[in-house]
Amino acid sequence: MSEEPRQDALRAAKQIQLAGKNKPGRYYVASSDPTEAVESATRAFDAGAVHSAALLTDDAARAVVLYGLTTWPALLTSLDDDGPTALIRAVRAADASDQSTQRWPRSKLSDDATVAFAALG
């Protein structure tokens, strides 16, 4: 795809995305409006069933969601074994390997990548 039609398609996709942001039945982004945090999805688990937990920004989650570098269970194991820095390095390497954003279409090459990980019990 030439650059101009690709940029037009990305602009159109971004407009659709922004039209649905922070709307009932769509998705919420608290960074845009912190009061939207009340819309967070929550779920309760038996404390004995949870061995680890992670919070990831969307760019860090690309390892699973976009790049397919790992699975969610394997990501938790990797975070426990190798720490968050290894995950962020892997995401950055994937970002850099696709400078044109053609292999993995996305609106920008990379974004903030933050990981918080806790090994429990």
PDB file of N, CA and C in Angstrom:
ATOM      1  N   MET A   1       0.856  -1.173   0.000  1.00  0.00           N
ATOM      2  CA  MET A   1       0.000   0.000   0.000  1.00  0.00           C
ATOM      3  C   MET A   1       0.896   1.227   0.000  1.00  0.00           C
ATOM      4  N   SER A   2       0.606   2.155  -0.899  1.00  0.00           N
ATOM      5  CA  SER A   2       1.407   3.375  -0.927  1.00  0.00           C
ATOM      6  C   SER A   2       1.142   4.171   0.341  1.00  0.00           C
ATOM      7  N   GLU A   3       2.019   5.107   0.621  1.00  0.00           N
ATOM      8  CA  GLU A   3       1.951   5.836   1.884  1.00  0.00           C
ATOM      9  C   GLU A   3       0.696   6.706   2.002  1.00  0.00           C
ATOM     10  N   GLU A   4       0.289   7.395   0.936  1.00  0.00           N
ATOM     11  CA  GLU A   4      -0.870   8.290   1.036  1.00  0.00           C
ATOM     12  C   GLU A   4      -2.165   7.540   1.350  1.00  0.00           C
ATOM     13  N   PRO A   5      -2.540   6.467   0.614  1.00  0.00           N
ATOM     14  CA  PRO A   5      -3.763   5.743   0.986  1.00  0.00           C
ATOM     15  C   PRO A   5      -3.672   5.131   2.384  1.00  0.00           C
ATOM     16  N   ARG A   6      -2.483   4.690   2.755  1.00  0.00           N
ATOM     17  CA  ARG A   6      -2.297   4.116   4.091  1.00  0.00           C
ATOM     18  C   ARG A   6      -2.546   5.174   5.159  1.00  0.00           C
ATOM     19  N   GLN A   7      -1.992   6.359   4.956  1.00  0.00           N
ATOM     20  CA  GLN A   7      -2.199   7.438   5.926  1.00  0.00           C
ATOM     21  C   GLN A   7      -3.673   7.836   5.990  1.00  0.00           C
ATOM     22  N   ASP A   8      -4.345   7.860   4.837  1.00  0.00           N
ATOM     23  CA  ASP A   8      -5.779   8.164   4.829  1.00  0.00           C
ATOM     24  C   ASP A   8      -6.554   7.114   5.614  1.00  0.00           C
ATOM     25  N   ALA A   9      -6.192   5.853   5.423  1.00  0.00           N
ATOM     26  CA  ALA A   9      -6.872   4.767   6.135  1.00  0.00           C
ATOM     27  C   ALA A   9      -6.619   4.864   7.638  1.00  0.00           C
ATOM     28  N   LEU A  10      -5.389   5.201   8.021  1.00  0.00           N
ATOM     29  CA  LEU A  10      -5.079   5.353   9.446  1.00  0.00           C
ATOM     30  C   LEU A  10      -5.849   6.523  10.056  1.00  0.00           C
ATOM     31  N   ARG A  11      -5.949   7.631   9.327  1.00  0.00           N
ATOM     32  CA  ARG A  11      -6.716   8.779   9.826  1.00  0.00           C
ATOM     33  C   ARG A  11      -8.189   8.400  10.013  1.00  0.00           C
ATOM     34  N   ALA A  12      -8.754   7.687   9.046  1.00  0.00           N
ATOM     35  CA  ALA A  12     -10.161   7.278   9.142  1.00  0.00           C
ATOM     36  C   ALA A  12     -10.370   6.339  10.325  1.00  0.00           C
ATOM     37  N   ALA A  13      -9.444   5.387  10.507  1.00  0.00           N
ATOM     38  CA  ALA A  13      -9.548   4.448  11.632  1.00  0.00           C
ATOM     39  C   ALA A  13      -9.443   5.186  12.956  1.00  0.00           C
ATOM     40  N   LYS A  14      -8.563   6.176  13.020  1.00  0.00           N
ATOM     41  CA  LYS A  14      -8.394   6.956  14.255  1.00  0.00           C
ATOM     42  C   LYS A  14      -9.667   7.736  14.575  1.00  0.00           C
ATOM     43  N   GLN A  15     -10.324   8.287  13.558  1.00  0.00           N
ATOM     44  CA  GLN A  15     -11.574   9.019  13.784  1.00  0.00           C
ATOM     45  C   GLN A  15     -12.654   8.092  14.330  1.00  0.00           C
ATOM     46  N   ILE A  16     -12.732   6.883  13.788  1.00  0.00           N
ATOM     47  CA  ILE A  16     -13.711   5.906  14.277  1.00  0.00           C
ATOM     48  C   ILE A  16     -13.390   5.520  15.711  1.00  0.00           C
ATOM     49  N   GLN A  17     -12.107   5.293  15.977  1.00  0.00           N
ATOM     50  CA  GLN A  17     -11.679   4.931  17.330  1.00  0.00           C
ATOM     51  C   GLN A  17     -12.035   6.033  18.319  1.00  0.00           C
ATOM     52  N   LEU A  18     -11.711   7.265  17.987  1.00  0.00           N
ATOM     53  CA  LEU A  18     -11.975   8.376  18.909  1.00  0.00           C
ATOM     54  C   LEU A  18     -13.468   8.605  19.110  1.00  0.00           C
ATOM     55  N   ALA A  19     -14.266   8.323  18.098  1.00  0.00           N
ATOM     56  CA  ALA A  19     -15.719   8.501  18.224  1.00  0.00           C
ATOM     57  C   ALA A  19     -16.313   7.539  19.249  1.00  0.00           C
ATOM     58  N   GLY A  20     -15.663   6.398  19.473  1.00  0.00           N
ATOM     59  CA  GLY A  20     -16.170   5.411  20.423  1.00  0.00           C
ATOM     60  C   GLY A  20     -15.575   5.495  21.808  1.00  0.00           C
ATOM     61  N   LYS A  21     -14.551   6.318  21.968  1.00  0.00           N
ATOM     62  CA  LYS A  21     -13.839   6.395  23.242  1.00  0.00           C
ATOM     63  C   LYS A  21     -14.705   7.035  24.325  1.00  0.00           C
ATOM     64  N   ASN A  22     -14.682   6.412  25.508  1.00  0.00           N
ATOM     65  CA  ASN A  22     -15.390   6.901  26.692  1.00  0.00           C
ATOM     66  C   ASN A  22     -16.889   7.083  26.434  1.00  0.00           C
ATOM     67  N   LYS A  23     -17.457   6.104  25.739  1.00  0.00           N
ATOM     68  CA  LYS A  23     -18.890   6.096  25.446  1.00  0.00           C
ATOM     69  C   LYS A  23     -19.503   4.807  25.979  1.00  0.00           C
ATOM     70  N   PRO A  24     -20.735   4.860  26.501  1.00  0.00           N
ATOM     71  CA  PRO A  24     -21.392   3.647  27.004  1.00  0.00           C
ATOM     72  C   PRO A  24     -21.416   2.544  25.948  1.00  0.00           C
ATOM     73  N   GLY A  25     -21.066   1.357  26.360  1.00  0.00           N
ATOM     74  CA  GLY A  25     -21.048   0.218  25.459  1.00  0.00           C
ATOM     75  C   GLY A  25     -19.807   0.132  24.600  1.00  0.00           C
ATOM     76  N   ARG A  26     -18.904   1.069  24.713  1.00  0.00           N
ATOM     77  CA  ARG A  26     -17.679   1.066  23.906  1.00  0.00           C
ATOM     78  C   ARG A  26     -16.489   0.803  24.831  1.00  0.00           C
ATOM     79  N   TYR A  27     -15.466   1.619  24.755  1.00  0.00           N
ATOM     80  CA  TYR A  27     -14.309   1.413  25.626  1.00  0.00           C
ATOM     81  C   TYR A  27     -13.953   2.730  26.314  1.00  0.00           C
ATOM     82  N   TYR A  28     -13.262   2.592  27.457  1.00  0.00           N
ATOM     83  CA  TYR A  28     -12.944   3.754  28.262  1.00  0.00           C
ATOM     84  C   TYR A  28     -11.441   3.907  28.418  1.00  0.00           C
ATOM     85  N   VAL A  29     -10.985   5.156  28.396  1.00  0.00           N
ATOM     86  CA  VAL A  29      -9.579   5.479  28.565  1.00  0.00           C
ATOM     87  C   VAL A  29      -9.487   6.509  29.682  1.00  0.00           C
ATOM     88  N   ALA A  30      -9.013   6.071  30.830  1.00  0.00           N
ATOM     89  CA  ALA A  30      -8.956   6.960  31.991  1.00  0.00           C
ATOM     90  C   ALA A  30      -7.885   8.036  31.828  1.00  0.00           C
ATOM     91  N   SER A  31      -6.864   7.791  31.012  1.00  0.00           N
ATOM     92  CA  SER A  31      -5.825   8.819  30.852  1.00  0.00           C
ATOM     93  C   SER A  31      -6.389  10.073  30.200  1.00  0.00           C
ATOM     94  N   SER A  32      -7.412   9.917  29.391  1.00  0.00           N
ATOM     95  CA  SER A  32      -8.052  11.067  28.746  1.00  0.00           C
ATOM     96  C   SER A  32      -8.948  11.813  29.716  1.00  0.00           C
ATOM     97  N   ASP A  33      -9.574  11.065  30.601  1.00  0.00           N
ATOM     98  CA  ASP A  33     -10.508  11.646  31.583  1.00  0.00           C
ATOM     99  C   ASP A  33     -10.497  10.730  32.803  1.00  0.00           C
ATOM    100  N   PRO A  34      -9.724  11.071  33.836  1.00  0.00           N
ATOM    101  CA  PRO A  34      -9.597  10.195  35.011  1.00  0.00           C
ATOM    102  C   PRO A  34     -10.914   9.791  35.651  1.00  0.00           C
ATOM    103  N   THR A  35     -11.960  10.578  35.486  1.00  0.00           N
ATOM    104  CA  THR A  35     -13.246  10.192  36.063  1.00  0.00           C
ATOM    105  C   THR A  35     -13.810   8.950  35.382  1.00  0.00           C
ATOM    106  N   GLU A  36     -13.303   8.611  34.210  1.00  0.00           N
ATOM    107  CA  GLU A  36     -13.772   7.428  33.492  1.00  0.00           C
ATOM    108  C   GLU A  36     -13.286   6.130  34.141  1.00  0.00           C
ATOM    109  N   ALA A  37     -12.389   6.224  35.105  1.00  0.00           N
ATOM    110  CA  ALA A  37     -11.887   5.027  35.790  1.00  0.00           C
ATOM    111  C   ALA A  37     -13.013   4.252  36.460  1.00  0.00           C
ATOM    112  N   VAL A  38     -14.119   4.911  36.754  1.00  0.00           N
ATOM    113  CA  VAL A  38     -15.256   4.204  37.363  1.00  0.00           C
ATOM    114  C   VAL A  38     -15.842   3.166  36.413  1.00  0.00           C
ATOM    115  N   GLU A  39     -15.510   3.243  35.141  1.00  0.00           N
ATOM    116  CA  GLU A  39     -16.009   2.291  34.147  1.00  0.00           C
ATOM    117  C   GLU A  39     -15.108   1.062  34.021  1.00  0.00           C
ATOM    118  N   SER A  40     -14.077   0.972  34.847  1.00  0.00           N
ATOM    119  CA  SER A  40     -13.138  -0.142  34.771  1.00  0.00           C
ATOM    120  C   SER A  40     -13.839  -1.483  34.923  1.00  0.00           C
ATOM    121  N   ALA A  41     -13.385  -2.437  34.147  1.00  0.00           N
ATOM    122  CA  ALA A  41     -13.888  -3.804  34.287  1.00  0.00           C
ATOM    123  C   ALA A  41     -13.197  -4.435  35.486  1.00  0.00           C
ATOM    124  N   THR A  42     -13.953  -5.088  36.319  1.00  0.00           N
ATOM    125  CA  THR A  42     -13.384  -5.743  37.497  1.00  0.00           C
ATOM    126  C   THR A  42     -13.893  -7.172  37.566  1.00  0.00           C
ATOM    127  N   ARG A  43     -13.146  -7.986  38.274  1.00  0.00           N
ATOM    128  CA  ARG A  43     -13.535  -9.380  38.477  1.00  0.00           C
ATOM    129  C   ARG A  43     -12.901  -9.850  39.780  1.00  0.00           C
ATOM    130  N   ALA A  44     -13.638 -10.639  40.524  1.00  0.00           N
ATOM    131  CA  ALA A  44     -13.131 -11.173  41.787  1.00  0.00           C
ATOM    132  C   ALA A  44     -12.597 -12.591  41.567  1.00  0.00           C
ATOM    133  N   PHE A  45     -11.515 -12.914  42.239  1.00  0.00           N
ATOM    134  CA  PHE A  45     -10.908 -14.242  42.178  1.00  0.00           C
ATOM    135  C   PHE A  45     -10.675 -14.738  43.592  1.00  0.00           C
ATOM    136  N   ASP A  46     -10.707 -16.043  43.782  1.00  0.00           N
ATOM    137  CA  ASP A  46     -10.322 -16.640  45.057  1.00  0.00           C
ATOM    138  C   ASP A  46      -8.833 -16.353  45.247  1.00  0.00           C
ATOM    139  N   ALA A  47      -8.470 -15.782  46.377  1.00  0.00           N
ATOM    140  CA  ALA A  47      -7.078 -15.384  46.611  1.00  0.00           C
ATOM    141  C   ALA A  47      -6.102 -16.541  46.448  1.00  0.00           C
ATOM    142  N   GLY A  48      -6.506 -17.744  46.787  1.00  0.00           N
ATOM    143  CA  GLY A  48      -5.619 -18.892  46.646  1.00  0.00           C
ATOM    144  C   GLY A  48      -5.387 -19.312  45.209  1.00  0.00           C
ATOM    145  N   ALA A  49      -6.237 -18.853  44.296  1.00  0.00           N
ATOM    146  CA  ALA A  49      -6.116 -19.231  42.885  1.00  0.00           C
ATOM    147  C   ALA A  49      -5.212 -18.293  42.099  1.00  0.00           C
ATOM    148  N   VAL A  50      -4.827 -17.174  42.698  1.00  0.00           N
ATOM    149  CA  VAL A  50      -4.018 -16.183  41.991  1.00  0.00           C
ATOM    150  C   VAL A  50      -2.575 -16.281  42.474  1.00  0.00           C
ATOM    151  N   HIS A  51      -1.668 -16.541  41.539  1.00  0.00           N
ATOM    152  CA  HIS A  51      -0.251 -16.691  41.884  1.00  0.00           C
ATOM    153  C   HIS A  51       0.586 -15.499  41.452  1.00  0.00           C
ATOM    154  N   SER A  52       0.078 -14.756  40.453  1.00  0.00           N
ATOM    155  CA  SER A  52       0.769 -13.558  39.996  1.00  0.00           C
ATOM    156  C   SER A  52      -0.236 -12.666  39.279  1.00  0.00           C
ATOM    157  N   ALA A  53       0.152 -11.410  39.139  1.00  0.00           N
ATOM    158  CA  ALA A  53      -0.707 -10.448  38.455  1.00  0.00           C
ATOM    159  C   ALA A  53       0.169  -9.416  37.769  1.00  0.00           C
ATOM    160  N   ALA A  54      -0.332  -8.899  36.662  1.00  0.00           N
ATOM    161  CA  ALA A  54       0.405  -7.871  35.927  1.00  0.00           C
ATOM    162  C   ALA A  54      -0.557  -6.824  35.403  1.00  0.00           C
ATOM    163  N   LEU A  55      -0.087  -5.604  35.384  1.00  0.00           N
ATOM    164  CA  LEU A  55      -0.781  -4.488  34.743  1.00  0.00           C
ATOM    165  C   LEU A  55       0.136  -3.998  33.634  1.00  0.00           C
ATOM    166  N   LEU A  56      -0.416  -3.874  32.433  1.00  0.00           N
ATOM    167  CA  LEU A  56       0.383  -3.461  31.289  1.00  0.00           C
ATOM    168  C   LEU A  56      -0.310  -2.339  30.535  1.00  0.00           C
ATOM    169  N   THR A  57       0.458  -1.384  30.051  1.00  0.00           N
ATOM    170  CA  THR A  57      -0.108  -0.415  29.124  1.00  0.00           C
ATOM    171  C   THR A  57      -0.342  -1.130  27.800  1.00  0.00           C
ATOM    172  N   ASP A  58      -1.107  -0.500  26.929  1.00  0.00           N
ATOM    173  CA  ASP A  58      -1.431  -1.137  25.656  1.00  0.00           C
ATOM    174  C   ASP A  58      -0.185  -1.464  24.840  1.00  0.00           C
ATOM    175  N   ASP A  59       0.845  -0.630  24.896  1.00  0.00           N
ATOM    176  CA  ASP A  59       2.039  -0.926  24.115  1.00  0.00           C
ATOM    177  C   ASP A  59       2.777  -2.146  24.663  1.00  0.00           C
ATOM    178  N   ALA A  60       2.838  -2.297  25.965  1.00  0.00           N
ATOM    179  CA  ALA A  60       3.465  -3.489  26.534  1.00  0.00           C
ATOM    180  C   ALA A  60       2.662  -4.734  26.200  1.00  0.00           C
ATOM    181  N   ALA A  61       1.333  -4.596  26.165  1.00  0.00           N
ATOM    182  CA  ALA A  61       0.458  -5.732  25.837  1.00  0.00           C
ATOM    183  C   ALA A  61       0.581  -6.166  24.387  1.00  0.00           C
ATOM    184  N   ARG A  62       1.215  -5.341  23.537  1.00  0.00           N
ATOM    185  CA  ARG A  62       1.419  -5.729  22.140  1.00  0.00           C
ATOM    186  C   ARG A  62       2.149  -7.066  22.023  1.00  0.00           C
ATOM    187  N   ALA A  63       2.943  -7.412  23.008  1.00  0.00           N
ATOM    188  CA  ALA A  63       3.670  -8.687  22.968  1.00  0.00           C
ATOM    189  C   ALA A  63       2.722  -9.851  22.728  1.00  0.00           C
ATOM    190  N   VAL A  64       1.522  -9.774  23.306  1.00  0.00           N
ATOM    191  CA  VAL A  64       0.512 -10.825  23.147  1.00  0.00           C
ATOM    192  C   VAL A  64      -0.504 -10.433  22.081  1.00  0.00           C
ATOM    193  N   VAL A  65      -1.082  -9.258  22.230  1.00  0.00           N
ATOM    194  CA  VAL A  65      -2.245  -8.843  21.450  1.00  0.00           C
ATOM    195  C   VAL A  65      -1.928  -8.606  19.980  1.00  0.00           C
ATOM    196  N   LEU A  66      -0.824  -7.972  19.684  1.00  0.00           N
ATOM    197  CA  LEU A  66      -0.499  -7.613  18.300  1.00  0.00           C
ATOM    198  C   LEU A  66       0.603  -8.486  17.717  1.00  0.00           C
ATOM    199  N   TYR A  67       1.691  -8.631  18.428  1.00  0.00           N
ATOM    200  CA  TYR A  67       2.858  -9.309  17.880  1.00  0.00           C
ATOM    201  C   TYR A  67       2.819 -10.829  18.027  1.00  0.00           C
ATOM    202  N   GLY A  68       2.030 -11.325  18.949  1.00  0.00           N
ATOM    203  CA  GLY A  68       1.961 -12.773  19.141  1.00  0.00           C
ATOM    204  C   GLY A  68       3.274 -13.385  19.600  1.00  0.00           C
ATOM    205  N   LEU A  69       4.058 -12.620  20.332  1.00  0.00           N
ATOM    206  CA  LEU A  69       5.353 -13.109  20.809  1.00  0.00           C
ATOM    207  C   LEU A  69       5.205 -14.142  21.912  1.00  0.00           C
ATOM    208  N   THR A  70       4.080 -14.118  22.598  1.00  0.00           N
ATOM    209  CA  THR A  70       3.861 -14.993  23.738  1.00  0.00           C
ATOM    210  C   THR A  70       2.352 -15.085  23.989  1.00  0.00           C
ATOM    211  N   THR A  71       1.991 -15.849  24.994  1.00  0.00           N
ATOM    212  CA  THR A  71       0.592 -15.950  25.436  1.00  0.00           C
ATOM    213  C   THR A  71       0.487 -15.273  26.794  1.00  0.00           C
ATOM    214  N   TRP A  72      -0.738 -15.034  27.256  1.00  0.00           N
ATOM    215  CA  TRP A  72      -0.883 -14.419  28.579  1.00  0.00           C
ATOM    216  C   TRP A  72      -0.274 -15.274  29.686  1.00  0.00           C
ATOM    217  N   PRO A  73      -0.536 -16.588  29.741  1.00  0.00           N
ATOM    218  CA  PRO A  73       0.096 -17.377  30.808  1.00  0.00           C
ATOM    219  C   PRO A  73       1.630 -17.368  30.715  1.00  0.00           C
ATOM    220  N   ALA A  74       2.156 -17.484  29.498  1.00  0.00           N
ATOM    221  CA  ALA A  74       3.615 -17.475  29.331  1.00  0.00           C
ATOM    222  C   ALA A  74       4.196 -16.109  29.669  1.00  0.00           C
ATOM    223  N   LEU A  75       3.447 -15.048  29.395  1.00  0.00           N
ATOM    224  CA  LEU A  75       3.914 -13.709  29.734  1.00  0.00           C
ATOM    225  C   LEU A  75       4.104 -13.578  31.245  1.00  0.00           C
ATOM    226  N   LEU A  76       3.150 -14.098  32.020  1.00  0.00           N
ATOM    227  CA  LEU A  76       3.283 -14.040  33.481  1.00  0.00           C
ATOM    228  C   LEU A  76       4.504 -14.823  33.955  1.00  0.00           C
ATOM    229  N   THR A  77       4.728 -15.986  33.364  1.00  0.00           N
ATOM    230  CA  THR A  77       5.914 -16.777  33.716  1.00  0.00           C
ATOM    231  C   THR A  77       7.187 -16.018  33.379  1.00  0.00           C
ATOM    232  N   SER A  78       7.207 -15.406  32.189  1.00  0.00           N
ATOM    233  CA  SER A  78       8.371 -14.631  31.762  1.00  0.00           C
ATOM    234  C   SER A  78       8.610 -13.431  32.671  1.00  0.00           C
ATOM    235  N   LEU A  79       7.547 -12.755  33.066  1.00  0.00           N
ATOM    236  CA  LEU A  79       7.711 -11.625  33.976  1.00  0.00           C
ATOM    237  C   LEU A  79       8.298 -12.078  35.308  1.00  0.00           C
ATOM    238  N   ASP A  80       7.867 -13.240  35.781  1.00  0.00           N
ATOM    239  CA  ASP A  80       8.388 -13.773  37.040  1.00  0.00           C
ATOM    240  C   ASP A  80       9.856 -14.174  36.889  1.00  0.00           C
ATOM    241  N   ASP A  81      10.191 -14.800  35.765  1.00  0.00           N
ATOM    242  CA  ASP A  81      11.562 -15.287  35.547  1.00  0.00           C
ATOM    243  C   ASP A  81      12.532 -14.180  35.142  1.00  0.00           C
ATOM    244  N   ASP A  82      12.091 -13.305  34.229  1.00  0.00           N
ATOM    245  CA  ASP A  82      13.012 -12.364  33.591  1.00  0.00           C
ATOM    246  C   ASP A  82      12.757 -10.901  33.917  1.00  0.00           C
ATOM    247  N   GLY A  83      11.594 -10.605  34.504  1.00  0.00           N
ATOM    248  CA  GLY A  83      11.261  -9.232  34.860  1.00  0.00           C
ATOM    249  C   GLY A  83      10.664  -8.431  33.715  1.00  0.00           C
ATOM    250  N   PRO A  84      10.078  -7.290  34.043  1.00  0.00           N
ATOM    251  CA  PRO A  84       9.427  -6.440  33.045  1.00  0.00           C
ATOM    252  C   PRO A  84      10.359  -5.894  31.965  1.00  0.00           C
ATOM    253  N   THR A  85      11.615  -5.642  32.313  1.00  0.00           N
ATOM    254  CA  THR A  85      12.548  -5.072  31.327  1.00  0.00           C
ATOM    255  C   THR A  85      12.686  -5.978  30.113  1.00  0.00           C
ATOM    256  N   ALA A  86      12.724  -7.282  30.324  1.00  0.00           N
ATOM    257  CA  ALA A  86      12.855  -8.218  29.197  1.00  0.00           C
ATOM    258  C   ALA A  86      11.635  -8.140  28.279  1.00  0.00           C
ATOM    259  N   LEU A  87      10.450  -8.003  28.857  1.00  0.00           N
ATOM    260  CA  LEU A  87       9.242  -7.883  28.044  1.00  0.00           C
ATOM    261  C   LEU A  87       9.278  -6.603  27.223  1.00  0.00           C
ATOM    262  N   ILE A  88       9.629  -5.499  27.854  1.00  0.00           N
ATOM    263  CA  ILE A  88       9.669  -4.226  27.140  1.00  0.00           C
ATOM    264  C   ILE A  88      10.728  -4.270  26.037  1.00  0.00           C
ATOM    265  N   ARG A  89      11.857  -4.892  26.292  1.00  0.00           N
ATOM    266  CA  ARG A  89      12.888  -5.031  25.239  1.00  0.00           C
ATOM    267  C   ARG A  89      12.360  -5.844  24.057  1.00  0.00           C
ATOM    268  N   ALA A  90      11.613  -6.909  24.340  1.00  0.00           N
ATOM    269  CA  ALA A  90      11.054  -7.730  23.264  1.00  0.00           C
ATOM    270  C   ALA A  90      10.039  -6.943  22.437  1.00  0.00           C
ATOM    271  N   VAL A  91       9.212  -6.155  23.105  1.00  0.00           N
ATOM    272  CA  VAL A  91       8.236  -5.322  22.389  1.00  0.00           C
ATOM    273  C   VAL A  91       8.968  -4.273  21.558  1.00  0.00           C
ATOM    274  N   ARG A  92       9.965  -3.636  22.113  1.00  0.00           N
ATOM    275  CA  ARG A  92      10.730  -2.628  21.369  1.00  0.00           C
ATOM    276  C   ARG A  92      11.444  -3.243  20.165  1.00  0.00           C
ATOM    277  N   ALA A  93      11.945  -4.464  20.312  1.00  0.00           N
ATOM    278  CA  ALA A  93      12.594  -5.133  19.184  1.00  0.00           C
ATOM    279  C   ALA A  93      11.579  -5.409  18.076  1.00  0.00           C
ATOM    280  N   ALA A  94      10.376  -5.840  18.446  1.00  0.00           N
ATOM    281  CA  ALA A  94       9.325  -6.070  17.449  1.00  0.00           C
ATOM    282  C   ALA A  94       8.927  -4.749  16.796  1.00  0.00           C
ATOM    283  N   ASP A  95       8.773  -3.688  17.607  1.00  0.00           N
ATOM    284  CA  ASP A  95       8.477  -2.360  17.056  1.00  0.00           C
ATOM    285  C   ASP A  95       9.517  -1.991  15.998  1.00  0.00           C
ATOM    286  N   ALA A  96      10.784  -2.117  16.368  1.00  0.00           N
ATOM    287  CA  ALA A  96      11.882  -1.707  15.490  1.00  0.00           C
ATOM    288  C   ALA A  96      11.993  -2.576  14.243  1.00  0.00           C
ATOM    289  N   SER A  97      11.568  -3.829  14.340  1.00  0.00           N
ATOM    290  CA  SER A  97      11.667  -4.719  13.182  1.00  0.00           C
ATOM    291  C   SER A  97      10.609  -4.429  12.127  1.00  0.00           C
ATOM    292  N   ASP A  98       9.660  -3.565  12.457  1.00  0.00           N
ATOM    293  CA  ASP A  98       8.580  -3.221  11.535  1.00  0.00           C
ATOM    294  C   ASP A  98       8.421  -1.704  11.492  1.00  0.00           C
ATOM    295  N   GLN A  99       9.475  -1.029  11.072  1.00  0.00           N
ATOM    296  CA  GLN A  99       9.482   0.437  11.018  1.00  0.00           C
ATOM    297  C   GLN A  99       8.380   0.993  10.120  1.00  0.00           C
ATOM    298  N   SER A 100       7.990   0.240   9.108  1.00  0.00           N
ATOM    299  CA  SER A 100       6.964   0.713   8.177  1.00  0.00           C
ATOM    300  C   SER A 100       5.549   0.467   8.700  1.00  0.00           C
ATOM    301  N   THR A 101       5.420  -0.256   9.791  1.00  0.00           N
ATOM    302  CA  THR A 101       4.139  -0.681  10.383  1.00  0.00           C
ATOM    303  C   THR A 101       3.280  -1.455   9.387  1.00  0.00           C
ATOM    304  N   GLN A 102       3.931  -2.146   8.462  1.00  0.00           N
ATOM    305  CA  GLN A 102       3.214  -2.940   7.466  1.00  0.00           C
ATOM    306  C   GLN A 102       2.928  -4.351   7.978  1.00  0.00           C
ATOM    307  N   ARG A 103       3.914  -4.975   8.629  1.00  0.00           N
ATOM    308  CA  ARG A 103       3.714  -6.343   9.128  1.00  0.00           C
ATOM    309  C   ARG A 103       2.628  -6.371  10.186  1.00  0.00           C
ATOM    310  N   TRP A 104       2.734  -5.426  11.111  1.00  0.00           N
ATOM    311  CA  TRP A 104       1.747  -5.298  12.179  1.00  0.00           C
ATOM    312  C   TRP A 104       1.155  -3.886  12.080  1.00  0.00           C
ATOM    313  N   PRO A 105       0.079  -3.710  11.340  1.00  0.00           N
ATOM    314  CA  PRO A 105      -0.494  -2.365  11.187  1.00  0.00           C
ATOM    315  C   PRO A 105      -0.865  -1.745  12.534  1.00  0.00           C
ATOM    316  N   ARG A 106      -0.423  -0.524  12.714  1.00  0.00           N
ATOM    317  CA  ARG A 106      -0.703   0.220  13.930  1.00  0.00           C
ATOM    318  C   ARG A 106      -0.539   1.698  13.624  1.00  0.00           C
ATOM    319  N   SER A 107      -1.126   2.535  14.427  1.00  0.00           N
ATOM    320  CA  SER A 107      -1.139   3.961  14.123  1.00  0.00           C
ATOM    321  C   SER A 107       0.188   4.658  14.380  1.00  0.00           C
ATOM    322  N   LYS A 108       1.032   4.070  15.214  1.00  0.00           N
ATOM    323  CA  LYS A 108       2.360   4.643  15.442  1.00  0.00           C
ATOM    324  C   LYS A 108       3.349   3.526  15.722  1.00  0.00           C
ATOM    325  N   LEU A 109       4.608   3.816  15.464  1.00  0.00           N
ATOM    326  CA  LEU A 109       5.648   2.802  15.606  1.00  0.00           C
ATOM    327  C   LEU A 109       5.668   2.212  17.008  1.00  0.00           C
ATOM    328  N   SER A 110       5.642   3.073  18.022  1.00  0.00           N
ATOM    329  CA  SER A 110       5.639   2.588  19.400  1.00  0.00           C
ATOM    330  C   SER A 110       4.993   3.646  20.283  1.00  0.00           C
ATOM    331  N   ASP A 111       4.731   3.250  21.505  1.00  0.00           N
ATOM    332  CA  ASP A 111       4.081   4.122  22.467  1.00  0.00           C
ATOM    333  C   ASP A 111       4.708   3.821  23.827  1.00  0.00           C
ATOM    334  N   ASP A 112       4.188   4.412  24.875  1.00  0.00           N
ATOM    335  CA  ASP A 112       4.708   4.100  26.199  1.00  0.00           C
ATOM    336  C   ASP A 112       4.482   2.624  26.505  1.00  0.00           C
ATOM    337  N   ALA A 113       5.442   2.000  27.125  1.00  0.00           N
ATOM    338  CA  ALA A 113       5.338   0.602  27.522  1.00  0.00           C
ATOM    339  C   ALA A 113       5.684   0.526  29.007  1.00  0.00           C
ATOM    340  N   THR A 114       4.685   0.214  29.806  1.00  0.00           N
ATOM    341  CA  THR A 114       4.868   0.153  31.246  1.00  0.00           C
ATOM    342  C   THR A 114       4.289  -1.164  31.760  1.00  0.00           C
ATOM    343  N   VAL A 115       5.015  -1.776  32.688  1.00  0.00           N
ATOM    344  CA  VAL A 115       4.577  -3.054  33.265  1.00  0.00           C
ATOM    345  C   VAL A 115       4.722  -2.989  34.776  1.00  0.00           C
ATOM    346  N   ALA A 116       3.683  -3.409  35.477  1.00  0.00           N
ATOM    347  CA  ALA A 116       3.765  -3.625  36.925  1.00  0.00           C
ATOM    348  C   ALA A 116       3.449  -5.110  37.140  1.00  0.00           C
ATOM    349  N   PHE A 117       4.311  -5.800  37.871  1.00  0.00           N
ATOM    350  CA  PHE A 117       4.158  -7.231  38.074  1.00  0.00           C
ATOM    351  C   PHE A 117       4.283  -7.577  39.559  1.00  0.00           C
ATOM    352  N   ALA A 118       3.438  -8.488  40.000  1.00  0.00           N
ATOM    353  CA  ALA A 118       3.498  -8.953  41.389  1.00  0.00           C
ATOM    354  C   ALA A 118       3.410 -10.468  41.419  1.00  0.00           C
ATOM    355  N   ALA A 119       4.382 -11.096  42.050  1.00  0.00           N
ATOM    356  CA  ALA A 119       4.325 -12.545  42.323  1.00  0.00           C
ATOM    357  C   ALA A 119       3.696 -12.674  43.700  1.00  0.00           C
ATOM    358  N   LEU A 120       2.627 -13.440  43.790  1.00  0.00           N
ATOM    359  CA  LEU A 120       1.862 -13.544  45.032  1.00  0.00           C
ATOM    360  C   LEU A 120       2.063 -14.906  45.667  1.00  0.00           C
ATOM    361  N   GLY A 121       2.092 -14.927  46.976  1.00  0.00           N
ATOM    362  CA  GLY A 121       2.172 -16.186  47.714  1.00  0.00           C
ATOM    363  C   GLY A 121       3.379 -16.927  47.397  1.00  0.00           C
TER     364      GLY A 121
END
